[in-house]
Protein backbone atom coordinates (compact mmCIF):
# COMPACT_ATOMS: atom_id res chain seq x y z
CA MET A 1 117.13 135.42 89.17
CA MET A 2 118.54 137.21 86.26
CA ARG A 3 121.81 136.12 84.84
CA ILE A 4 124.41 138.86 84.06
CA PRO A 5 125.28 138.34 80.42
CA GLN A 6 129.02 137.76 79.59
CA ALA A 7 130.99 137.97 76.38
CA GLU A 8 131.45 134.64 74.66
CA GLU A 9 134.61 133.56 72.93
CA LEU A 10 135.07 130.26 71.20
CA VAL A 11 138.52 129.20 69.66
CA GLY A 12 138.48 127.94 66.04
CA THR A 13 140.37 125.32 64.17
CA ASN A 14 140.00 127.62 60.84
CA LYS A 15 142.76 130.35 61.13
CA ASN A 16 141.78 132.02 57.89
CA LEU A 17 138.32 133.24 59.26
CA GLY A 18 137.13 134.34 62.54
CA VAL A 19 133.45 135.33 63.14
CA VAL A 20 132.06 138.28 65.23
CA LEU A 21 128.64 138.26 66.27
CA LEU A 22 126.74 141.60 67.34
CA HIS A 23 123.59 141.29 69.62
CA SER A 24 120.41 143.29 69.30
CA PHE A 25 119.44 146.53 71.28
CA THR A 26 117.82 144.87 74.13
CA GLY A 27 119.73 141.75 73.79
CA SER A 28 123.19 140.46 74.78
CA SER A 29 125.51 137.56 73.89
CA ARG A 30 122.72 135.29 74.82
CA ASP A 31 121.05 136.19 71.35
CA MET A 32 123.84 134.02 70.07
CA LYS A 33 123.51 130.97 72.25
CA PHE A 34 122.71 128.68 69.35
CA LEU A 35 124.61 130.41 66.56
CA ALA A 36 127.97 130.72 68.25
CA PRO A 37 128.59 127.05 69.02
CA ALA A 38 127.22 125.97 65.71
CA LEU A 39 129.68 128.15 63.91
CA ASN A 40 132.42 126.91 66.13
CA ALA A 41 131.48 123.31 65.40
CA ALA A 42 132.01 124.30 61.86
CA GLY A 43 135.67 125.20 62.63
CA TYR A 44 135.24 128.94 63.03
CA GLY A 45 136.47 130.91 66.08
CA VAL A 46 133.87 133.23 67.31
CA TYR A 47 133.50 136.13 69.55
CA ALA A 48 130.22 137.54 70.83
CA PRO A 49 130.82 140.73 72.75
CA ILE A 50 128.62 142.53 75.02
CA LEU A 51 127.78 146.06 73.69
CA ARG A 52 128.26 148.91 76.01
CA GLY A 53 125.61 149.27 78.61
CA HIS A 54 124.24 145.94 78.14
CA HIS A 55 126.24 144.23 81.00
CA ASP A 56 124.06 145.85 83.16
CA ARG A 57 120.45 144.44 82.90
CA SER A 58 118.65 147.35 84.32
CA PHE A 59 116.04 149.77 83.20
CA GLY A 60 118.33 152.24 81.85
CA GLY A 61 121.00 149.68 80.62
CA PRO A 62 120.62 150.04 76.83
CA LEU A 63 119.27 153.41 77.02
CA LEU A 64 121.79 155.19 79.41
CA GLY A 65 124.88 153.06 79.25
CA GLY A 66 125.77 153.49 75.66
CA ASN A 67 124.99 154.84 72.29
CA PRO A 68 125.58 154.05 68.49
CA GLN A 69 128.89 155.64 68.45
CA ASP A 70 130.10 153.95 71.64
CA TRP A 71 128.84 150.57 70.00
CA TRP A 72 130.67 151.22 66.99
CA VAL A 73 133.86 151.64 68.85
CA ASP A 74 133.00 148.09 70.57
CA THR A 75 132.53 146.67 67.29
CA GLN A 76 135.87 147.84 65.92
CA ALA A 77 137.51 146.43 69.23
CA ALA A 78 135.72 143.06 68.56
CA VAL A 79 136.94 142.93 64.94
CA ARG A 80 140.64 143.76 66.10
CA ARG A 81 140.58 141.10 69.02
CA MET A 82 139.59 138.48 66.30
CA HIS A 83 141.97 139.71 63.54
CA ARG A 84 144.93 139.09 65.96
CA SER A 85 144.20 135.39 65.72
CA TYR A 86 142.32 135.07 62.45
CA ALA A 87 143.70 136.08 59.05
CA HIS A 88 140.23 137.51 58.10
CA VAL A 89 137.15 138.34 59.98
CA ALA A 90 133.38 138.14 59.05
CA VAL A 91 130.89 140.01 61.04
CA PHE A 92 127.08 139.16 61.59
CA GLY A 93 124.59 141.25 63.54
CA LEU A 94 121.10 140.83 64.78
CA SER A 95 118.71 143.81 64.47
CA LEU A 96 120.70 146.82 65.86
CA GLY A 97 123.87 144.42 65.65
CA GLY A 98 123.34 144.27 61.89
CA ILE A 99 123.49 147.98 61.35
CA LEU A 100 126.93 147.89 63.17
CA ALA A 101 127.92 144.72 61.22
CA MET A 102 127.08 146.48 57.66
CA ARG A 103 129.32 149.42 58.71
CA ALA A 104 131.87 146.97 59.58
CA ILE A 105 131.57 145.45 56.16
CA GLU A 106 131.86 148.91 54.66
CA GLU A 107 134.60 150.10 56.41
CA LEU A 108 137.01 147.73 57.86
CA PRO A 109 139.71 146.15 55.76
CA ALA A 110 140.10 143.08 58.04
CA VAL A 111 136.32 142.25 57.42
CA VAL A 112 135.90 140.24 54.23
CA ALA A 113 132.27 139.30 54.49
CA GLY A 114 129.24 139.37 57.03
CA GLY A 115 125.44 139.52 57.31
CA VAL A 116 122.54 140.92 58.81
CA MET A 117 119.60 139.36 60.62
CA ALA A 118 116.35 141.12 60.96
CA SER A 119 118.13 144.60 60.67
CA PRO A 120 116.36 147.85 60.10
CA ILE A 121 119.20 149.40 58.03
CA MET A 122 116.89 151.05 55.70
CA ASP A 123 114.47 152.41 58.15
CA GLY A 124 113.79 152.32 61.83
CA SER A 125 111.67 150.25 64.04
CA PRO A 126 107.91 151.54 64.06
CA PHE A 127 107.72 149.67 67.33
CA PHE A 128 110.89 150.86 69.10
CA THR A 129 109.04 152.14 72.17
CA ARG A 130 107.04 148.86 72.58
CA THR A 131 110.02 146.74 72.14
CA VAL A 132 111.65 148.78 75.05
CA GLN A 133 108.64 148.32 77.05
CA ARG A 134 108.93 144.70 76.65
CA TYR A 135 112.57 144.80 78.06
CA PHE A 136 111.21 146.81 80.97
CA ASP A 137 108.75 144.06 81.64
CA TYR A 138 111.68 141.57 81.52
CA VAL A 139 113.93 143.44 84.03
CA GLN A 140 110.84 143.87 86.42
CA HIS A 141 109.99 140.15 86.17
CA PHE A 142 113.48 138.92 86.93
CA THR A 143 114.66 141.49 89.64
CA GLY A 144 111.14 142.80 91.15
CA ALA A 145 112.30 146.39 90.64
CA GLN A 146 110.05 149.02 89.34
CA THR A 147 110.76 152.43 87.74
CA ASP A 148 108.97 155.41 86.44
CA ARG A 149 108.80 154.30 82.81
CA MET A 150 107.30 157.85 81.70
CA ALA A 151 110.55 159.54 82.98
CA LEU A 152 112.59 157.33 80.72
CA GLN A 153 110.68 158.21 77.60
CA PRO A 154 112.82 160.76 76.77
CA ALA A 155 115.80 158.71 76.83
CA ILE A 156 113.83 156.05 74.61
CA ASP A 157 113.18 159.03 71.99
CA GLN A 158 116.81 160.05 72.03
CA GLN A 159 118.24 156.51 71.73
CA ASN A 160 115.69 155.80 68.89
CA ALA A 161 116.78 159.07 66.94
CA ALA A 162 120.47 158.11 67.50
CA ILE A 163 120.13 154.69 66.16
CA ARG A 164 117.99 155.91 63.11
CA ASP A 165 120.56 158.64 62.50
CA PHE A 166 123.56 156.02 62.52
CA ALA A 167 121.55 153.68 60.30
CA ARG A 168 121.02 156.59 57.72
CA GLY A 169 124.91 156.75 57.57
CA VAL A 170 125.39 153.21 57.03
CA ALA A 171 122.54 153.01 54.41
CA ALA A 172 124.16 156.05 52.59
CA LYS A 173 127.14 154.04 51.85
CA ILE A 174 125.66 150.61 51.31
CA ASP A 175 126.33 150.69 47.46
CA THR A 176 130.02 150.90 48.13
CA VAL A 177 130.05 147.39 49.49
CA ARG A 178 131.89 144.81 47.25
CA LYS A 179 131.92 141.96 49.80
CA PRO A 180 129.72 139.08 50.24
CA VAL A 181 126.71 139.63 52.26
CA PHE A 182 124.26 137.50 54.04
CA ILE A 183 120.77 138.75 54.68
CA ALA A 184 118.11 136.73 56.86
CA GLN A 185 114.51 138.14 57.50
CA GLY A 186 111.46 136.56 59.01
CA GLY A 187 108.26 137.15 57.34
CA ALA A 188 106.48 137.34 60.79
CA ASP A 189 108.69 140.01 62.38
CA SER A 190 106.76 141.74 65.17
CA VAL A 191 109.46 144.46 65.76
CA ILE A 192 110.47 145.97 62.32
CA ASP A 193 109.19 146.22 58.89
CA CYS A 194 110.13 142.91 57.46
CA GLN A 195 110.48 144.49 53.98
CA THR A 196 113.38 146.54 55.04
CA ALA A 197 115.53 143.39 54.29
CA LYS A 198 114.50 143.49 50.53
CA ARG A 199 115.44 147.28 50.33
CA THR A 200 118.70 146.40 51.97
CA ARG A 201 119.27 143.80 49.28
CA ALA A 202 118.37 146.12 46.55
CA GLY A 203 120.66 148.81 47.85
CA LEU A 204 123.68 146.29 47.64
CA VAL A 205 124.02 146.94 44.04
CA ASN A 206 127.93 146.07 43.95
CA ALA A 207 127.88 143.09 46.27
CA SER A 208 127.21 139.37 46.02
CA VAL A 209 124.07 138.91 48.36
CA ASP A 210 122.98 135.67 49.72
CA PHE A 211 119.46 136.50 50.68
CA HIS A 212 117.23 134.22 52.96
CA TRP A 213 113.57 134.80 53.86
CA TYR A 214 112.12 132.72 56.52
CA PRO A 215 108.21 133.18 56.20
CA HIS A 216 107.00 132.26 59.68
CA ALA A 217 109.98 133.56 61.73
CA ASP A 218 109.59 136.39 64.25
CA HIS A 219 112.30 139.01 64.89
CA ILE A 220 114.94 137.14 66.93
CA LEU A 221 115.91 134.64 64.45
CA THR A 222 118.92 133.36 66.27
CA VAL A 223 116.57 131.75 68.79
CA ASP A 224 113.49 131.40 66.60
CA PRO A 225 112.44 127.80 65.75
CA VAL A 226 114.07 128.61 62.41
CA HIS A 227 117.43 128.99 64.06
CA GLU A 228 118.79 125.62 62.95
CA GLN A 229 118.17 126.25 59.30
CA MET A 230 119.60 129.67 59.49
CA GLU A 231 122.76 128.24 61.16
CA ASP A 232 123.23 125.95 58.19
CA ASP A 233 122.81 128.82 55.72
CA ILE A 234 125.41 130.75 57.22
CA CYS A 235 127.75 128.11 57.59
CA SER A 236 127.20 127.45 53.73
CA PHE A 237 127.56 131.03 53.06
CA LEU A 238 130.84 131.14 55.07
CA ALA A 239 132.21 128.10 53.16
CA GLY A 240 132.10 130.29 50.06
CA VAL A 241 133.87 133.01 51.56
CA ASN A 242 136.83 131.07 52.78
């Protein structure tokens, strides 16, 4: 049986800094099932929202239920929510979530730091269609439902183009960032070109960058076997922000 994902919010003892965690394109708050409690154990309040269209674990959910501009509105709302309880906010995102997190770092005054994990900011995923097809396999496996996948191909292409266009806008302003940025990338990433992380680091010419390369890790770093090391690395990064 497929579990319908729900946003997760954990109250922190450190009222100076709250953390927003943004999930991947075909993911949900479940992407953060290890990272959220690890950060909370370190004292941080954590909010892992569900981006629009991702509550519905259906074939059309991420394709038809929202777009990058909707998800940017969701990101801003998540930051406002945390800022009501915490003096400052840090935003981290996985894959698609990282693109949104970087825009939050660029533009939102309440955001004092943040990071990206396996995020194609400088270029899109060459395997976007394959990734979506794997998501379709997941939905079919847990629901028994089927769909005309070919009929959804225009929606796949449209969403891919929209995400790439949004990412280009974020990349165009990356040199304006003067806040601490955490970058994490797996060397065995099967979804994006892992070299995009190095290009993102190179573009952050005015920021303090904490770069972490995990040679054997795949795309979903937050649940990869390397997740415990990355949790420690993020906690160390945030300790320097506080």
